[in-house]
N, C-alpha and C. Protein backbone atom coordinates (compact mmCIF):
# COMPACT_ATOMS: atom_id res chain seq x y z
N UNK A 1 -76.52 46.55 32.08
CA UNK A 1 -75.35 46.94 32.59
C UNK A 1 -74.34 46.11 32.42
N UNK A 2 -73.54 46.78 32.23
CA UNK A 2 -72.16 45.94 31.45
C UNK A 2 -70.83 45.86 33.13
N UNK A 3 -70.77 44.79 33.21
CA UNK A 3 -69.20 44.49 34.36
C UNK A 3 -68.56 43.76 33.46
N UNK A 4 -67.17 44.45 34.35
CA UNK A 4 -65.75 43.87 33.72
C UNK A 4 -64.67 43.46 34.75
N UNK A 5 -64.76 42.73 34.35
CA UNK A 5 -63.48 41.95 35.88
C UNK A 5 -62.32 41.37 35.02
N UNK A 6 -61.05 41.70 35.39
CA UNK A 6 -59.95 41.61 34.44
C UNK A 6 -59.08 40.64 36.26
N UNK A 7 -58.95 39.32 35.13
CA UNK A 7 -58.10 38.83 36.00
C UNK A 7 -56.53 38.78 35.95
N UNK A 8 -55.42 39.67 36.48
CA UNK A 8 -54.03 39.98 36.20
C UNK A 8 -54.02 39.65 37.28
N UNK A 9 -52.31 40.32 37.14
CA UNK A 9 -51.02 39.87 38.16
C UNK A 9 -50.05 40.79 37.71
N UNK A 10 -49.67 41.45 38.64
CA UNK A 10 -49.15 42.70 38.62
C UNK A 10 -47.77 43.05 38.18
N UNK A 11 -46.79 42.21 36.81
CA UNK A 11 -46.00 41.62 36.42
C UNK A 11 -46.76 41.36 35.11
N UNK A 12 -47.56 41.31 34.82
CA UNK A 12 -48.38 41.52 33.41
C UNK A 12 -48.70 42.06 32.50
N UNK A 13 -48.24 42.82 31.23
CA UNK A 13 -47.19 43.65 30.22
C UNK A 13 -48.86 43.52 30.04
N UNK A 14 -49.61 42.45 29.18
CA UNK A 14 -51.04 42.31 28.63
C UNK A 14 -52.15 42.91 30.00
N UNK A 15 -52.14 42.74 31.06
CA UNK A 15 -52.42 42.99 32.09
C UNK A 15 -53.02 44.27 31.93
N UNK A 16 -51.16 45.22 31.99
CA UNK A 16 -51.63 46.56 32.20
C UNK A 16 -52.03 46.94 31.17
N UNK A 17 -51.82 46.46 29.63
CA UNK A 17 -52.19 47.33 28.41
C UNK A 17 -54.08 47.26 28.64
N UNK A 18 -54.50 46.07 28.91
CA UNK A 18 -56.09 45.86 29.32
C UNK A 18 -56.70 46.84 29.93
N UNK A 19 -56.29 47.39 31.27
CA UNK A 19 -56.30 48.41 32.04
C UNK A 19 -56.74 49.88 31.52
N UNK A 20 -55.33 49.90 31.34
CA UNK A 20 -55.04 51.33 29.90
C UNK A 20 -55.93 51.32 29.84
N UNK A 21 -56.82 50.67 28.72
CA UNK A 21 -57.59 50.56 27.49
C UNK A 21 -58.92 50.73 27.94
N UNK A 22 -58.97 50.10 29.39
CA UNK A 22 -60.21 50.87 29.79
C UNK A 22 -60.04 51.78 30.59
N UNK A 23 -59.16 52.21 31.53
CA UNK A 23 -58.90 53.94 32.09
C UNK A 23 -59.04 54.83 30.45
N UNK A 24 -58.73 54.54 29.31
CA UNK A 24 -58.75 55.22 28.31
C UNK A 24 -60.15 55.36 27.72
N UNK A 25 -61.00 54.96 28.12
CA UNK A 25 -62.27 55.15 27.53
C UNK A 25 -63.14 54.81 28.86
N UNK A 26 -62.75 55.33 30.21
CA UNK A 26 -63.61 56.03 30.85
C UNK A 26 -64.21 54.33 31.24
N UNK A 27 -64.40 53.29 31.19
CA UNK A 27 -64.97 52.31 31.30
C UNK A 27 -64.33 51.42 32.79
N UNK A 28 -65.51 51.46 33.76
CA UNK A 28 -65.09 50.80 34.63
C UNK A 28 -64.84 48.92 34.67
N UNK A 29 -63.95 49.11 35.87
CA UNK A 29 -63.69 47.01 35.99
C UNK A 29 -63.17 47.11 37.16
N UNK A 30 -63.66 45.57 37.60
CA UNK A 30 -62.93 44.77 39.29
C UNK A 30 -61.29 44.25 38.47
N UNK A 31 -60.11 44.44 39.29
CA UNK A 31 -59.60 44.06 39.09
C UNK A 31 -59.20 43.36 40.30
N UNK A 32 -58.92 42.06 39.39
CA UNK A 32 -58.47 41.00 40.36
C UNK A 32 -56.91 40.33 40.60
N UNK A 33 -56.26 40.28 41.60
CA UNK A 33 -54.67 40.01 41.44
C UNK A 33 -55.07 38.07 41.65
N UNK A 34 -54.69 38.00 40.71
CA UNK A 34 -55.13 36.06 40.63
C UNK A 34 -53.33 35.55 41.63
N UNK A 35 -52.24 36.93 41.49
CA UNK A 35 -51.20 35.87 42.34
C UNK A 35 -51.37 36.50 43.68
N UNK A 36 -52.25 37.13 44.15
CA UNK A 36 -52.44 37.21 45.93
C UNK A 36 -53.54 36.33 46.14
N UNK A 37 -54.67 35.75 45.66
CA UNK A 37 -55.62 35.24 45.83
C UNK A 37 -55.43 33.33 44.64
N UNK A 38 -55.38 33.45 45.68
CA UNK A 38 -55.43 31.50 44.92
C UNK A 38 -56.89 31.37 44.60
N UNK A 39 -58.47 31.41 45.45
CA UNK A 39 -59.70 31.10 45.30
C UNK A 39 -59.61 32.12 43.95
N UNK A 40 -59.32 33.19 43.93
CA UNK A 40 -59.55 33.62 42.52
C UNK A 40 -59.00 33.51 41.28
N UNK A 41 -57.56 32.78 41.65
CA UNK A 41 -57.41 31.96 40.55
C UNK A 41 -58.00 31.01 39.74
N UNK A 42 -58.53 30.01 40.91
CA UNK A 42 -58.49 28.72 40.72
C UNK A 42 -60.41 28.97 40.05
N UNK A 43 -60.67 30.19 40.44
CA UNK A 43 -62.30 30.71 39.99
C UNK A 43 -61.74 31.16 38.36
N UNK A 44 -61.06 31.79 37.90
CA UNK A 44 -60.52 31.90 36.82
C UNK A 44 -60.12 31.32 35.84
N UNK A 45 -59.62 30.26 36.61
CA UNK A 45 -59.30 29.31 35.67
C UNK A 45 -60.67 28.08 35.13
N UNK A 46 -61.45 27.93 35.96
CA UNK A 46 -62.80 27.09 35.68
C UNK A 46 -63.47 28.16 35.05
N UNK A 47 -63.97 28.90 34.76
CA UNK A 47 -64.18 29.94 33.66
C UNK A 47 -63.62 30.06 32.31
N UNK A 48 -62.39 30.24 32.58
CA UNK A 48 -62.11 30.45 31.33
C UNK A 48 -61.37 28.99 30.56
N UNK A 49 -60.65 28.07 31.27
CA UNK A 49 -60.14 26.88 31.17
C UNK A 49 -58.10 26.71 30.59
N UNK A 50 -58.01 28.30 31.47
CA UNK A 50 -56.63 28.90 30.87
C UNK A 50 -55.97 29.10 32.08
N UNK A 51 -54.77 29.64 32.07
CA UNK A 51 -53.93 29.41 33.31
C UNK A 51 -53.05 30.99 32.97
N UNK A 52 -53.23 31.77 32.35
CA UNK A 52 -52.34 32.65 31.74
C UNK A 52 -53.49 33.50 32.35
N UNK A 53 -52.41 35.20 32.56
CA UNK A 53 -53.68 36.11 32.88
C UNK A 53 -53.00 37.44 31.39
N UNK A 54 -53.75 38.17 31.12
CA UNK A 54 -55.35 38.30 31.34
C UNK A 54 -56.05 37.03 31.27
N UNK A 55 -57.49 37.20 32.06
CA UNK A 55 -58.17 36.86 31.86
C UNK A 55 -59.76 37.73 31.77
N UNK A 56 -60.45 38.72 30.43
CA UNK A 56 -60.98 39.41 30.93
C UNK A 56 -62.35 39.17 30.78
N UNK A 57 -63.55 39.44 31.73
CA UNK A 57 -64.93 38.81 31.72
C UNK A 57 -65.86 39.80 31.48
N UNK A 58 -66.23 40.04 30.57
CA UNK A 58 -67.11 40.97 30.33
C UNK A 58 -68.85 40.38 30.36
N UNK A 59 -69.51 41.25 31.27
CA UNK A 59 -70.89 40.88 31.65
C UNK A 59 -72.23 41.66 30.66
N UNK A 60 -72.53 41.37 29.83
CA UNK A 60 -73.19 42.56 29.36
C UNK A 60 -74.61 41.86 29.14
N UNK A 61 -76.00 42.43 29.08
CA UNK A 61 -76.92 42.15 29.76
C UNK A 61 -77.43 40.66 29.42
N UNK A 62 -76.40 39.90 30.89
CA UNK A 62 -76.57 38.75 31.66
C UNK A 62 -75.79 37.70 30.99
N UNK A 63 -75.03 38.13 29.83
CA UNK A 63 -74.39 37.32 29.46
C UNK A 63 -72.69 37.49 29.53
N UNK A 64 -72.09 36.60 29.81
CA UNK A 64 -70.74 36.64 29.80
C UNK A 64 -69.76 36.58 28.58
N UNK A 65 -68.73 37.04 28.29
CA UNK A 65 -67.55 37.14 27.29
C UNK A 65 -66.65 36.55 28.10
N UNK A 66 -65.98 35.12 27.81
CA UNK A 66 -64.88 35.30 28.38
C UNK A 66 -63.96 35.43 27.95
N UNK A 67 -63.03 36.21 27.85
CA UNK A 67 -61.11 36.04 26.41
C UNK A 67 -60.04 36.22 27.71
N UNK A 68 -59.04 35.10 27.12
CA UNK A 68 -58.40 34.73 27.32
C UNK A 68 -57.40 36.05 26.67
N UNK A 69 -56.68 36.77 27.71
CA UNK A 69 -55.34 38.07 26.66
C UNK A 69 -56.66 38.50 26.61
N UNK A 70 -55.53 39.95 25.83
CA UNK A 70 -55.94 41.27 25.36
C UNK A 70 -55.73 41.37 24.06
N UNK A 71 -57.47 41.37 23.57
CA UNK A 71 -58.04 41.25 22.12
C UNK A 71 -58.59 42.89 22.02
N UNK A 72 -58.04 43.88 21.57
CA UNK A 72 -58.60 45.05 22.01
C UNK A 72 -59.60 45.06 20.94
N UNK A 73 -59.76 44.62 19.41
CA UNK A 73 -61.16 44.42 18.59
C UNK A 73 -62.35 43.93 19.09
N UNK A 74 -62.24 42.79 19.84
CA UNK A 74 -62.62 41.56 20.49
C UNK A 74 -63.38 42.28 21.22
N UNK A 75 -62.64 43.09 22.38
CA UNK A 75 -63.57 44.05 23.12
C UNK A 75 -64.17 45.27 22.80
N UNK A 76 -63.88 45.98 21.97
CA UNK A 76 -64.61 46.69 21.68
C UNK A 76 -65.84 46.26 20.85
N UNK A 77 -65.74 45.19 19.53
CA UNK A 77 -66.86 44.84 18.96
C UNK A 77 -68.03 44.88 20.34
N UNK A 78 -67.24 43.76 21.71
CA UNK A 78 -68.44 43.65 22.42
C UNK A 78 -69.12 45.04 23.30
N UNK A 79 -68.07 45.64 23.27
CA UNK A 79 -68.04 46.75 23.94
C UNK A 79 -69.20 48.15 23.37
N UNK A 80 -69.46 47.88 21.73
CA UNK A 80 -69.57 48.18 20.79
C UNK A 80 -69.01 49.72 20.95
N UNK A 81 -67.52 49.85 21.13
CA UNK A 81 -66.99 50.84 20.81
C UNK A 81 -65.94 51.44 19.90
């Protein structure tokens, strides 16, 4: 099973693009607003080494793919779309 988490902020355009991409492909994801949750922001930074959003974590077959920014091609390649 594939699980997707998007660390985002409400004003981030790339975050919105990523969410629309997943919605358009009927892919469920968990959205975490790091502007409202400092613990989640700290976890995002620890996972990615990045302070910018979005950070997208795709767990596929027990392996985490951590992507900084919205890269549609890379996401499609990981998900096999």
